[in-house]
Amino acid sequence: MSAKAAENPILRVLAKNNLWVALAVVVIALSIASTTFRNPANLQNILAQNGIIGIVAMGMLVMMISGGFDLSVGAIGGAVAVLAAFTSRELGLPAALLAGLILGTLLGLVNGLIIARLRINSFIATFALASIVTGVMFVITQGKSVGGKSAALQAFTYGSLGGISFIFLAFMTFAVLTHLILTRTKWGHWIFSAGANEHASYLSGVPVVPVKVAAFVFGGLATAVGGILMFGQSAIGQPTGADAWPLNAIAICVIGGTALSGGVGRVSNVIAATLLLGVIGNGMNQLGVSPYWQPAVTGAIILAAVIADRAGRARDSDH
């Protein structure tokens, strides 16, 4: 933050909430440019479409603050959806929900133990687990979708309250839970500490290994919730249905200012980044922008966010 912004309370607030300002500017610009974009039904659709990846991003946020990240969330999400579909058909929906949550949490635990206890790099560990889980899913399903029974869950995923999708409300609920954990609990303080300086945290009495393991367990739980909701939308478990989750969730966190090195991250910024990417993607569709250009635009946004964040940190260190 510049010295001028630090002295001016308005500029200080704008600088702290720059993503929300950017989101407002983009929404206004797209609303002027496209009549279909500003249609209330389309705006409600944006919220519904981005709720699931928002939940997954909350789990990624906690893992990244702890100093790691998870490339296996796509594979885990697909596995949870497949298991939920099969279990719902054989044992009913309640058993399917429980089985999905247990599977996601257990796989998060495996990631955490490998990374924190065995001290394996999170890129290698989670990439390897993703490959294993994907391979097992393909063997079990022979690469085919698994049908399930999820009438009640499907009604939830397509339902709304006051025009706001239940999926988006679930995202907001999970975001509040994540915020409370990170800001109001000792574990949350330890996550920031361990991610910022693992060695110093250990010397000061922080149980670094359990903290990092718990961060990945939380990430697995968030992914499981996303996988269950994905299954609920279609009543189908698709092994590759969540393949885009890892990079999308990491991109959201990076745009939200979460440090890849750990120790820095804010829930509110991740919410803003989720909505910003969702709005831009929807806006490009409404304006008829070629889908071939859309990944390039997303990549440019990520690169700009990283450069701006690094420049901001450099200015802060100078002052």
Protein backbone atom coordinates (compact mmCIF):
# COMPACT_ATOMS: atom_id res chain seq x y z
CA MET A 1 0.00 0.00 0.00
CA SER A 2 1.40 3.42 -0.93
CA ALA A 3 2.06 6.14 1.64
CA LYS A 4 -0.71 8.25 0.10
CA ALA A 5 -3.24 5.39 0.45
CA ALA A 6 -2.12 4.78 4.02
CA GLU A 7 -2.83 8.40 4.93
CA ASN A 8 -6.26 8.56 3.27
CA PRO A 9 -8.90 6.39 4.97
CA ILE A 10 -11.00 6.13 1.78
CA LEU A 11 -8.03 5.04 -0.31
CA ARG A 12 -7.03 2.64 2.45
CA VAL A 13 -10.45 0.97 2.37
CA LEU A 14 -10.42 0.82 -1.44
CA ALA A 15 -6.93 -0.66 -1.47
CA LYS A 16 -7.89 -3.29 1.10
CA ASN A 17 -11.01 -4.25 -0.86
CA ASN A 18 -9.66 -3.78 -4.37
CA LEU A 19 -11.14 -7.05 -5.59
CA TRP A 20 -14.63 -6.01 -4.56
CA VAL A 21 -14.11 -2.68 -6.31
CA ALA A 22 -12.95 -4.53 -9.44
CA LEU A 23 -15.97 -6.82 -9.23
CA ALA A 24 -18.35 -3.86 -9.00
CA VAL A 25 -16.67 -2.14 -11.97
CA VAL A 26 -16.83 -5.29 -14.11
CA VAL A 27 -20.50 -5.91 -13.23
CA ILE A 28 -21.42 -2.32 -14.10
CA ALA A 29 -19.46 -2.42 -17.37
CA LEU A 30 -20.99 -5.74 -18.46
CA SER A 31 -24.47 -4.58 -17.44
CA ILE A 32 -24.07 -1.59 -19.76
CA ALA A 33 -22.60 -3.70 -22.58
CA SER A 34 -25.11 -6.57 -22.46
CA THR A 35 -28.83 -6.54 -21.78
CA THR A 36 -28.82 -10.30 -21.23
CA PHE A 37 -26.04 -10.05 -18.65
CA ARG A 38 -28.00 -7.68 -16.42
CA ASN A 39 -31.08 -9.89 -16.56
CA PRO A 40 -31.83 -10.88 -12.94
CA ALA A 41 -32.13 -14.53 -13.95
CA ASN A 42 -28.63 -14.43 -15.42
CA LEU A 43 -27.18 -12.79 -12.30
CA GLN A 44 -28.83 -15.47 -10.14
CA ASN A 45 -27.38 -18.09 -12.48
CA ILE A 46 -23.87 -16.72 -11.93
CA LEU A 47 -24.24 -17.24 -8.19
CA ALA A 48 -25.53 -20.79 -8.64
CA GLN A 49 -22.81 -21.76 -11.13
CA ASN A 50 -19.93 -20.62 -8.94
CA GLY A 51 -21.05 -21.86 -5.54
CA ILE A 52 -19.44 -25.30 -5.83
CA ILE A 53 -16.01 -24.11 -6.96
CA GLY A 54 -16.26 -21.45 -4.24
CA ILE A 55 -16.61 -24.14 -1.58
CA VAL A 56 -13.64 -26.04 -3.02
CA ALA A 57 -11.65 -22.78 -3.06
CA MET A 58 -12.32 -22.31 0.66
CA GLY A 59 -10.63 -25.63 1.33
CA MET A 60 -7.78 -24.67 -1.01
CA LEU A 61 -7.42 -21.36 0.85
CA VAL A 62 -6.82 -23.11 4.18
CA MET A 63 -4.32 -25.51 2.60
CA MET A 64 -2.45 -22.68 0.88
CA ILE A 65 -2.29 -20.59 4.06
CA SER A 66 -0.73 -23.63 5.75
CA GLY A 67 2.00 -23.64 3.12
CA GLY A 68 0.74 -26.24 0.64
CA PHE A 69 -1.87 -26.79 -2.03
CA ASP A 70 -3.83 -29.71 -3.43
CA LEU A 71 -3.81 -30.85 -7.06
CA SER A 72 -5.99 -33.84 -6.19
CA VAL A 73 -9.23 -31.95 -5.47
CA GLY A 74 -10.54 -32.74 -8.95
CA ALA A 75 -9.87 -36.45 -8.59
CA ILE A 76 -11.29 -36.48 -5.06
CA GLY A 77 -14.41 -34.57 -6.16
CA GLY A 78 -15.00 -37.04 -8.98
CA ALA A 79 -14.45 -40.02 -6.65
CA VAL A 80 -16.88 -38.58 -4.09
CA ALA A 81 -19.51 -38.08 -6.79
CA VAL A 82 -19.07 -41.64 -8.07
CA LEU A 83 -19.26 -43.14 -4.58
CA ALA A 84 -22.29 -41.02 -3.70
CA ALA A 85 -24.05 -42.09 -6.88
CA PHE A 86 -23.41 -45.79 -6.26
CA THR A 87 -24.27 -45.63 -2.57
CA SER A 88 -27.47 -43.64 -3.16
CA ARG A 89 -28.66 -46.35 -5.51
CA GLU A 90 -27.80 -49.20 -3.16
CA LEU A 91 -28.32 -47.77 0.35
CA GLY A 92 -30.16 -44.49 -0.07
CA LEU A 93 -29.24 -40.81 -0.08
CA PRO A 94 -28.32 -40.36 3.64
CA ALA A 95 -25.77 -43.16 3.38
CA ALA A 96 -24.48 -41.63 0.14
CA LEU A 97 -23.92 -38.25 1.78
CA LEU A 98 -22.10 -39.82 4.70
CA ALA A 99 -19.95 -42.03 2.45
CA GLY A 100 -18.98 -39.08 0.26
CA LEU A 101 -17.99 -36.92 3.22
CA ILE A 102 -15.95 -39.75 4.76
CA LEU A 103 -14.13 -40.50 1.50
CA GLY A 104 -13.19 -36.87 0.87
CA THR A 105 -12.05 -36.36 4.45
CA LEU A 106 -9.98 -39.57 4.47
CA LEU A 107 -8.24 -38.67 1.21
CA GLY A 108 -7.50 -35.23 2.64
CA LEU A 109 -6.03 -36.98 5.69
CA VAL A 110 -3.82 -39.11 3.43
CA ASN A 111 -2.56 -36.00 1.66
CA GLY A 112 -1.88 -34.29 4.96
CA LEU A 113 0.03 -37.21 6.43
CA ILE A 114 2.18 -37.63 3.32
CA ILE A 115 2.98 -33.91 3.14
CA ALA A 116 3.37 -33.05 6.82
CA ARG A 117 4.57 -36.33 8.35
CA LEU A 118 6.71 -37.64 5.47
CA ARG A 119 7.67 -34.11 4.39
CA ILE A 120 6.92 -34.73 0.70
CA ASN A 121 6.37 -31.67 -1.47
CA SER A 122 2.63 -30.93 -1.82
CA PHE A 123 2.88 -30.76 -5.62
CA ILE A 124 4.33 -34.27 -5.85
CA ALA A 125 2.15 -35.77 -3.10
CA THR A 126 -1.19 -34.45 -4.33
CA PHE A 127 -0.38 -35.03 -8.01
CA ALA A 128 0.48 -38.65 -7.19
CA LEU A 129 -2.72 -39.13 -5.16
CA ALA A 130 -4.75 -37.59 -7.98
CA SER A 131 -3.26 -40.07 -10.43
CA ILE A 132 -3.96 -43.00 -8.11
CA VAL A 133 -7.56 -41.97 -7.39
CA THR A 134 -8.30 -41.24 -11.05
CA GLY A 135 -6.84 -44.58 -12.12
CA VAL A 136 -8.85 -46.51 -9.53
CA MET A 137 -12.04 -44.68 -10.56
CA PHE A 138 -11.47 -45.52 -14.22
CA VAL A 139 -10.89 -49.18 -13.38
CA ILE A 140 -14.01 -49.39 -11.20
CA THR A 141 -16.30 -47.48 -13.56
CA GLN A 142 -14.58 -48.47 -16.83
CA GLY A 143 -14.57 -44.78 -17.61
CA LYS A 144 -18.36 -44.54 -17.55
CA SER A 145 -20.70 -42.37 -15.51
CA VAL A 146 -22.51 -43.95 -12.55
CA GLY A 147 -26.20 -43.21 -12.14
CA GLY A 148 -27.69 -42.61 -8.72
CA LYS A 149 -30.85 -41.57 -6.91
CA SER A 150 -30.80 -38.05 -5.53
CA ALA A 151 -34.24 -36.48 -5.89
CA ALA A 152 -34.01 -34.61 -2.58
CA LEU A 153 -30.44 -33.48 -3.17
CA GLN A 154 -31.29 -32.47 -6.72
CA ALA A 155 -34.19 -30.39 -5.43
CA PHE A 156 -31.76 -28.66 -3.07
CA THR A 157 -29.14 -27.95 -5.73
CA TYR A 158 -31.74 -26.36 -8.03
CA GLY A 159 -33.71 -24.68 -5.25
CA SER A 160 -33.45 -21.09 -4.11
CA LEU A 161 -34.44 -18.76 -1.31
CA GLY A 162 -35.47 -15.25 -2.29
CA GLY A 163 -33.97 -15.79 -5.71
CA ILE A 164 -30.60 -16.84 -4.28
CA SER A 165 -29.52 -20.39 -5.09
CA PHE A 166 -29.21 -22.84 -2.21
CA ILE A 167 -25.79 -23.79 -3.62
CA PHE A 168 -24.61 -20.20 -3.29
CA LEU A 169 -26.06 -20.02 0.21
CA ALA A 170 -24.14 -23.20 1.03
CA PHE A 171 -21.01 -21.49 -0.30
CA MET A 172 -21.62 -18.48 1.93
CA THR A 173 -22.23 -20.74 4.93
CA PHE A 174 -18.99 -22.59 4.28
CA ALA A 175 -17.18 -19.27 3.81
CA VAL A 176 -18.42 -18.00 7.18
CA LEU A 177 -17.34 -21.27 8.81
CA THR A 178 -13.89 -20.97 7.22
CA HIS A 179 -13.57 -17.34 8.33
CA LEU A 180 -14.50 -18.18 11.91
CA ILE A 181 -12.03 -21.06 12.01
CA LEU A 182 -9.20 -18.94 10.63
CA THR A 183 -9.85 -15.84 12.75
CA ARG A 184 -11.48 -17.03 15.97
CA THR A 185 -9.73 -20.29 16.82
CA LYS A 186 -6.26 -21.22 18.02
CA TRP A 187 -6.00 -23.67 15.12
CA GLY A 188 -6.62 -20.84 12.67
CA HIS A 189 -3.82 -18.79 14.23
CA TRP A 190 -1.53 -21.80 14.04
CA ILE A 191 -2.31 -22.31 10.34
CA PHE A 192 -1.14 -18.78 9.54
CA SER A 193 1.90 -19.19 11.76
CA ALA A 194 2.93 -22.57 10.32
CA GLY A 195 2.48 -21.34 6.78
CA ALA A 196 4.48 -18.15 7.34
CA ASN A 197 7.44 -19.79 9.10
CA GLU A 198 7.26 -23.47 9.90
CA HIS A 199 10.55 -23.67 11.80
CA ALA A 200 9.90 -20.63 13.98
CA SER A 201 6.36 -21.88 14.69
CA TYR A 202 7.71 -25.25 15.80
CA LEU A 203 10.21 -23.57 18.13
CA SER A 204 7.42 -21.46 19.64
CA GLY A 205 5.37 -24.53 20.48
CA VAL A 206 3.00 -24.77 17.52
CA PRO A 207 2.16 -28.44 16.71
CA VAL A 208 3.11 -27.94 13.06
CA VAL A 209 2.50 -31.47 11.78
CA PRO A 210 -1.03 -31.87 13.24
CA VAL A 211 -1.89 -28.34 12.07
CA LYS A 212 -0.84 -29.05 8.48
CA VAL A 213 -2.57 -32.42 8.50
CA ALA A 214 -5.77 -30.80 9.75
CA ALA A 215 -5.55 -28.17 6.99
CA PHE A 216 -5.61 -30.90 4.34
CA VAL A 217 -8.39 -32.74 6.16
CA PHE A 218 -10.43 -29.53 5.97
CA GLY A 219 -9.57 -29.26 2.29
CA GLY A 220 -10.74 -32.83 1.73
CA LEU A 221 -13.99 -32.08 3.55
CA ALA A 222 -14.61 -28.99 1.38
CA THR A 223 -13.91 -31.04 -1.74
CA ALA A 224 -16.29 -33.75 -0.55
CA VAL A 225 -19.07 -31.19 -0.10
CA GLY A 226 -18.38 -29.95 -3.63
CA GLY A 227 -18.43 -33.49 -5.02
CA ILE A 228 -21.75 -34.25 -3.32
CA LEU A 229 -23.33 -31.08 -4.70
CA MET A 230 -21.96 -31.87 -8.16
CA PHE A 231 -23.58 -35.30 -7.95
CA GLY A 232 -26.81 -33.70 -6.76
CA GLN A 233 -27.02 -31.46 -9.83
CA SER A 234 -27.12 -34.34 -12.31
CA ALA A 235 -27.77 -37.50 -10.23
CA ILE A 236 -24.70 -38.88 -11.98
CA GLY A 237 -21.21 -39.64 -10.69
CA GLN A 238 -18.69 -38.72 -13.39
CA PRO A 239 -15.04 -39.64 -12.64
CA THR A 240 -13.76 -36.68 -14.68
CA GLY A 241 -16.52 -34.25 -13.75
CA ALA A 242 -14.28 -32.16 -11.50
CA ASP A 243 -11.06 -32.16 -13.55
CA ALA A 244 -10.98 -28.36 -13.76
CA TRP A 245 -11.26 -27.84 -9.99
CA PRO A 246 -7.55 -27.86 -9.00
CA LEU A 247 -6.37 -25.05 -11.25
CA ASN A 248 -9.61 -23.08 -10.90
CA ALA A 249 -9.50 -23.21 -7.10
CA ILE A 250 -5.80 -22.28 -7.00
CA ALA A 251 -6.43 -19.46 -9.49
CA ILE A 252 -9.24 -18.09 -7.32
CA CYS A 253 -7.01 -18.12 -4.25
CA VAL A 254 -4.08 -16.51 -6.09
CA ILE A 255 -6.30 -13.77 -7.51
CA GLY A 256 -7.61 -13.31 -3.98
CA GLY A 257 -4.08 -12.53 -2.78
CA THR A 258 -3.38 -15.85 -1.07
CA ALA A 259 0.38 -16.39 -0.97
CA LEU A 260 1.65 -19.55 -2.65
CA SER A 261 4.41 -19.59 -0.04
CA GLY A 262 1.84 -19.72 2.79
CA GLY A 263 0.89 -17.55 5.73
CA VAL A 264 -1.34 -15.06 3.88
CA GLY A 265 -4.98 -15.30 2.80
CA ARG A 266 -8.44 -13.82 3.39
CA VAL A 267 -11.84 -15.46 3.04
CA SER A 268 -13.49 -12.26 1.78
CA ASN A 269 -10.95 -11.97 -1.03
CA VAL A 270 -11.59 -15.56 -2.11
CA ILE A 271 -15.34 -14.85 -2.25
CA ALA A 272 -14.66 -11.76 -4.39
CA ALA A 273 -12.26 -13.66 -6.67
CA THR A 274 -14.77 -16.49 -7.13
CA LEU A 275 -17.47 -14.04 -8.18
CA LEU A 276 -15.07 -11.99 -10.32
CA LEU A 277 -13.97 -14.98 -12.41
CA GLY A 278 -17.57 -16.19 -12.63
CA VAL A 279 -18.82 -12.79 -13.77
CA ILE A 280 -16.07 -12.41 -16.36
CA GLY A 281 -16.68 -15.91 -17.76
CA ASN A 282 -20.43 -15.35 -17.94
CA GLY A 283 -19.96 -11.88 -19.41
CA MET A 284 -17.73 -13.19 -22.18
CA ASN A 285 -20.38 -15.79 -23.01
CA GLN A 286 -23.10 -13.15 -23.11
CA LEU A 287 -20.97 -10.95 -25.38
CA GLY A 288 -20.27 -13.85 -27.72
CA VAL A 289 -16.52 -13.98 -27.06
CA SER A 290 -15.00 -17.14 -28.51
CA PRO A 291 -14.47 -19.85 -25.87
CA TYR A 292 -10.96 -20.22 -27.26
CA TRP A 293 -10.13 -16.76 -25.94
CA GLN A 294 -11.60 -17.26 -22.49
CA PRO A 295 -8.70 -19.26 -20.98
CA ALA A 296 -6.32 -16.60 -22.26
CA VAL A 297 -8.32 -13.88 -20.52
CA THR A 298 -8.40 -15.89 -17.29
CA GLY A 299 -4.65 -16.47 -17.49
CA ALA A 300 -4.02 -12.76 -18.04
CA ILE A 301 -6.14 -11.94 -14.98
CA ILE A 302 -4.19 -14.41 -12.84
CA LEU A 303 -0.86 -13.04 -14.06
CA ALA A 304 -1.96 -9.45 -13.43
CA ALA A 305 -3.16 -10.37 -9.93
CA VAL A 306 0.15 -12.03 -9.05
CA ILE A 307 2.18 -9.08 -10.39
CA ALA A 308 0.00 -6.56 -8.55
CA ASP A 309 0.20 -8.56 -5.33
CA ARG A 310 3.98 -8.86 -5.53
CA ALA A 311 4.32 -5.14 -6.28
CA GLY A 312 2.10 -4.34 -3.30
CA ARG A 313 4.17 -6.53 -0.98
CA ALA A 314 7.34 -4.88 -2.24
CA ARG A 315 5.93 -1.42 -1.48
CA ASP A 316 4.83 -2.54 1.98
CA SER A 317 8.31 -3.88 2.75
CA ASP A 318 9.87 -0.59 1.62
CA HIS A 319 7.71 1.29 4.12
